[in-house]
């Protein structure tokens, strides 16, 4: 942002674009049954459910806190899983 404002200050008559990478929605999974970390390989199939965040997740079924996810998803949409690390 500093560079953007410096560029605008030095050239106020010029158009200056700004592109930002904003963090998207944080979707959390419920506690995992057994408390062990879940490990997946590319191509693994899992079911993402919104039945209730109080239901424990398993390797096969992840319960998430984003209850409005099903209406906004389409066939073949990609979901990227990460450990927020």
N, C-alpha and C. Protein backbone atom coordinates (compact mmCIF):
# COMPACT_ATOMS: atom_id res chain seq x y z
N UNK A 1 0.82 -1.18 0.00
CA UNK A 1 0.00 0.00 0.00
C UNK A 1 0.88 1.25 0.00
N UNK A 2 2.02 1.18 0.68
CA UNK A 2 2.90 2.35 0.73
C UNK A 2 3.34 2.76 -0.67
N UNK A 3 3.69 1.76 -1.48
CA UNK A 3 4.14 2.05 -2.84
C UNK A 3 3.02 2.67 -3.67
N UNK A 4 1.81 2.19 -3.47
CA UNK A 4 0.66 2.76 -4.20
C UNK A 4 0.49 4.23 -3.85
N UNK A 5 0.46 4.55 -2.58
CA UNK A 5 0.25 5.94 -2.17
C UNK A 5 1.43 6.83 -2.58
N UNK A 6 2.63 6.29 -2.56
CA UNK A 6 3.79 7.06 -3.03
C UNK A 6 3.68 7.35 -4.52
N UNK A 7 3.25 6.35 -5.30
CA UNK A 7 3.08 6.55 -6.74
C UNK A 7 2.01 7.60 -7.02
N UNK A 8 0.91 7.56 -6.28
CA UNK A 8 -0.16 8.55 -6.46
C UNK A 8 0.31 9.95 -6.07
N UNK A 9 1.13 10.02 -5.03
CA UNK A 9 1.65 11.33 -4.59
C UNK A 9 2.58 11.92 -5.64
N UNK A 10 3.45 11.08 -6.22
CA UNK A 10 4.42 11.57 -7.19
C UNK A 10 3.80 11.88 -8.54
N UNK A 11 2.73 11.18 -8.89
CA UNK A 11 2.09 11.35 -10.20
C UNK A 11 0.57 11.44 -10.03
N UNK A 12 0.08 12.50 -9.43
CA UNK A 12 -1.36 12.59 -9.14
C UNK A 12 -2.24 12.61 -10.39
N UNK A 13 -1.67 12.98 -11.53
CA UNK A 13 -2.44 13.06 -12.77
C UNK A 13 -2.51 11.71 -13.51
N UNK A 14 -1.76 10.72 -13.05
CA UNK A 14 -1.72 9.42 -13.70
C UNK A 14 -2.69 8.45 -13.03
N UNK A 15 -3.23 7.55 -13.86
CA UNK A 15 -4.07 6.49 -13.32
C UNK A 15 -3.16 5.42 -12.72
N UNK A 16 -3.51 4.95 -11.57
CA UNK A 16 -2.70 3.94 -10.90
C UNK A 16 -3.63 2.84 -10.40
N UNK A 17 -3.37 1.62 -10.82
CA UNK A 17 -4.22 0.50 -10.41
C UNK A 17 -3.65 -0.15 -9.15
N UNK A 18 -4.54 -0.76 -8.41
CA UNK A 18 -4.16 -1.46 -7.20
C UNK A 18 -4.84 -2.81 -7.20
N UNK A 19 -4.05 -3.87 -7.04
CA UNK A 19 -4.62 -5.21 -6.98
C UNK A 19 -4.20 -5.81 -5.64
N UNK A 20 -5.19 -6.35 -4.93
CA UNK A 20 -4.90 -6.93 -3.63
C UNK A 20 -5.40 -8.37 -3.60
N UNK A 21 -4.66 -9.20 -2.92
CA UNK A 21 -5.06 -10.59 -2.70
C UNK A 21 -5.68 -10.64 -1.31
N UNK A 22 -7.00 -10.70 -1.26
CA UNK A 22 -7.70 -10.68 0.01
C UNK A 22 -8.01 -12.09 0.47
N UNK A 23 -7.91 -12.29 1.73
CA UNK A 23 -8.22 -13.58 2.31
C UNK A 23 -9.70 -13.88 2.14
N UNK A 24 -9.99 -15.07 1.72
CA UNK A 24 -11.39 -15.47 1.55
C UNK A 24 -12.00 -15.95 2.85
N UNK A 25 -13.16 -16.50 2.74
CA UNK A 25 -13.88 -16.98 3.91
C UNK A 25 -13.12 -18.12 4.58
N UNK A 26 -13.02 -18.07 5.89
CA UNK A 26 -12.38 -19.15 6.65
C UNK A 26 -13.45 -20.18 6.99
N UNK A 27 -13.31 -21.34 6.42
CA UNK A 27 -14.23 -22.43 6.70
C UNK A 27 -13.51 -23.39 7.63
N UNK A 28 -14.13 -23.69 8.73
CA UNK A 28 -13.52 -24.57 9.73
C UNK A 28 -14.25 -25.91 9.76
N UNK A 29 -13.49 -26.95 10.09
CA UNK A 29 -14.11 -28.26 10.28
C UNK A 29 -14.31 -28.48 11.77
N UNK A 30 -15.26 -29.34 12.10
CA UNK A 30 -15.52 -29.66 13.50
C UNK A 30 -14.36 -30.46 14.07
N UNK A 31 -14.41 -30.71 15.36
CA UNK A 31 -13.39 -31.55 15.99
C UNK A 31 -13.36 -32.90 15.29
N UNK A 32 -12.17 -33.46 15.20
CA UNK A 32 -11.98 -34.72 14.50
C UNK A 32 -12.11 -35.88 15.47
N UNK A 33 -12.88 -36.86 15.08
CA UNK A 33 -13.08 -38.06 15.90
C UNK A 33 -11.72 -38.71 16.17
N UNK A 34 -11.42 -38.93 17.41
CA UNK A 34 -10.14 -39.53 17.77
C UNK A 34 -9.03 -38.50 17.95
N UNK A 35 -9.26 -37.28 17.52
CA UNK A 35 -8.29 -36.21 17.72
C UNK A 35 -7.03 -36.28 16.88
N UNK A 36 -6.94 -37.22 15.97
CA UNK A 36 -5.74 -37.38 15.14
C UNK A 36 -5.82 -36.48 13.91
N UNK A 37 -4.67 -35.97 13.42
CA UNK A 37 -4.68 -35.17 12.20
C UNK A 37 -5.19 -35.98 11.01
N UNK A 38 -5.88 -35.31 10.12
CA UNK A 38 -6.37 -35.96 8.90
C UNK A 38 -5.36 -35.74 7.80
N UNK A 39 -5.03 -36.79 7.09
CA UNK A 39 -4.08 -36.69 5.98
C UNK A 39 -4.75 -37.19 4.72
N UNK A 40 -4.60 -36.41 3.66
CA UNK A 40 -5.21 -36.76 2.38
C UNK A 40 -4.17 -36.72 1.28
N UNK A 41 -4.42 -37.46 0.23
CA UNK A 41 -3.59 -37.42 -0.96
C UNK A 41 -4.44 -36.86 -2.10
N UNK A 42 -3.77 -36.29 -3.07
CA UNK A 42 -4.49 -35.75 -4.21
C UNK A 42 -5.36 -36.82 -4.82
N UNK A 43 -6.61 -36.47 -5.08
CA UNK A 43 -7.54 -37.41 -5.68
C UNK A 43 -8.41 -38.15 -4.67
N UNK A 44 -8.09 -38.04 -3.37
CA UNK A 44 -8.95 -38.67 -2.36
C UNK A 44 -10.34 -38.05 -2.44
N UNK A 45 -11.33 -38.85 -2.19
CA UNK A 45 -12.71 -38.37 -2.20
C UNK A 45 -13.21 -38.28 -0.77
N UNK A 46 -13.83 -37.14 -0.44
CA UNK A 46 -14.41 -36.94 0.88
C UNK A 46 -15.77 -36.29 0.71
N UNK A 47 -16.57 -36.41 1.73
CA UNK A 47 -17.88 -35.76 1.72
C UNK A 47 -17.83 -34.59 2.69
N UNK A 48 -18.19 -33.42 2.21
CA UNK A 48 -18.23 -32.23 3.06
C UNK A 48 -19.69 -31.99 3.42
N UNK A 49 -19.96 -31.97 4.72
CA UNK A 49 -21.33 -31.92 5.19
C UNK A 49 -21.56 -30.70 6.08
N UNK A 50 -22.80 -30.27 6.12
CA UNK A 50 -23.19 -29.15 6.97
C UNK A 50 -24.30 -29.56 7.94
N UNK A 51 -24.29 -30.84 8.35
CA UNK A 51 -25.32 -31.35 9.26
C UNK A 51 -25.26 -30.70 10.63
N UNK A 52 -24.08 -30.34 11.05
CA UNK A 52 -23.93 -29.72 12.36
C UNK A 52 -22.47 -29.66 12.76
N UNK A 53 -22.04 -28.50 13.17
CA UNK A 53 -20.65 -28.29 13.56
C UNK A 53 -20.33 -29.04 14.85
N UNK A 54 -21.36 -29.46 15.58
CA UNK A 54 -21.16 -30.20 16.82
C UNK A 54 -20.92 -31.69 16.57
N UNK A 55 -21.10 -32.14 15.33
CA UNK A 55 -20.84 -33.54 14.96
C UNK A 55 -19.36 -33.67 14.61
N UNK A 56 -18.70 -34.69 15.14
CA UNK A 56 -17.28 -34.87 14.88
C UNK A 56 -17.03 -35.23 13.41
N UNK A 57 -15.94 -34.71 12.88
CA UNK A 57 -15.52 -35.04 11.51
C UNK A 57 -14.74 -36.35 11.52
N UNK A 58 -14.76 -37.02 10.36
CA UNK A 58 -13.94 -38.21 10.16
C UNK A 58 -13.15 -38.01 8.87
N UNK A 59 -12.25 -38.93 8.55
CA UNK A 59 -11.49 -38.81 7.30
C UNK A 59 -12.41 -38.82 6.09
N UNK A 60 -13.52 -39.53 6.19
CA UNK A 60 -14.44 -39.66 5.05
C UNK A 60 -15.46 -38.53 4.98
N UNK A 61 -15.82 -37.95 6.14
CA UNK A 61 -16.84 -36.90 6.19
C UNK A 61 -16.37 -35.74 7.05
N UNK A 62 -16.31 -34.56 6.44
CA UNK A 62 -15.94 -33.35 7.17
C UNK A 62 -17.20 -32.54 7.45
N UNK A 63 -17.43 -32.23 8.70
CA UNK A 63 -18.52 -31.33 9.08
C UNK A 63 -17.92 -29.92 9.12
N UNK A 64 -18.54 -28.98 8.42
CA UNK A 64 -17.99 -27.62 8.36
C UNK A 64 -18.95 -26.61 8.97
N UNK A 65 -18.41 -25.42 9.24
CA UNK A 65 -19.19 -24.36 9.86
C UNK A 65 -19.81 -23.39 8.85
N UNK A 66 -19.70 -23.68 7.58
CA UNK A 66 -20.23 -22.79 6.54
C UNK A 66 -21.50 -23.44 5.99
N UNK A 67 -22.62 -23.17 6.65
CA UNK A 67 -23.87 -23.85 6.33
C UNK A 67 -24.45 -23.44 4.98
N UNK A 68 -23.99 -22.33 4.42
CA UNK A 68 -24.48 -21.88 3.12
C UNK A 68 -23.61 -22.36 1.96
N UNK A 69 -22.69 -23.27 2.22
CA UNK A 69 -21.82 -23.74 1.14
C UNK A 69 -22.57 -24.49 0.04
N UNK A 70 -23.46 -25.43 0.34
CA UNK A 70 -24.09 -26.19 -0.75
C UNK A 70 -24.75 -25.33 -1.83
N UNK A 71 -25.49 -24.26 -1.49
CA UNK A 71 -26.13 -23.49 -2.56
C UNK A 71 -25.15 -22.73 -3.47
N UNK A 72 -23.94 -22.45 -2.99
CA UNK A 72 -23.01 -21.67 -3.82
C UNK A 72 -22.04 -22.54 -4.60
N UNK A 73 -22.03 -23.85 -4.33
CA UNK A 73 -21.14 -24.75 -5.05
C UNK A 73 -21.81 -25.25 -6.33
N UNK A 74 -20.97 -25.50 -7.33
CA UNK A 74 -21.44 -26.08 -8.58
C UNK A 74 -20.65 -27.34 -8.88
N UNK A 75 -21.14 -28.16 -9.79
CA UNK A 75 -20.40 -29.36 -10.19
C UNK A 75 -19.00 -28.98 -10.63
N UNK A 76 -18.03 -29.77 -10.21
CA UNK A 76 -16.63 -29.62 -10.58
C UNK A 76 -15.93 -28.40 -9.97
N UNK A 77 -16.57 -27.70 -9.02
CA UNK A 77 -15.85 -26.65 -8.29
C UNK A 77 -14.76 -27.29 -7.46
N UNK A 78 -13.66 -26.58 -7.33
CA UNK A 78 -12.53 -27.09 -6.59
C UNK A 78 -12.53 -26.50 -5.18
N UNK A 79 -12.26 -27.35 -4.22
CA UNK A 79 -12.09 -26.92 -2.83
C UNK A 79 -10.66 -27.30 -2.44
N UNK A 80 -9.93 -26.33 -1.95
CA UNK A 80 -8.55 -26.56 -1.54
C UNK A 80 -8.52 -26.66 -0.02
N UNK A 81 -7.97 -27.76 0.48
CA UNK A 81 -7.88 -27.96 1.92
C UNK A 81 -6.48 -27.58 2.37
N UNK A 82 -6.42 -26.94 3.51
CA UNK A 82 -5.11 -26.59 4.08
C UNK A 82 -5.19 -26.58 5.59
N UNK A 83 -4.03 -26.54 6.21
CA UNK A 83 -4.00 -26.55 7.67
C UNK A 83 -3.80 -25.17 8.25
N UNK A 84 -3.95 -24.15 7.42
CA UNK A 84 -3.82 -22.76 7.86
C UNK A 84 -2.44 -22.48 8.41
N UNK A 85 -1.48 -23.22 7.95
CA UNK A 85 -0.12 -23.06 8.50
C UNK A 85 0.84 -22.46 7.56
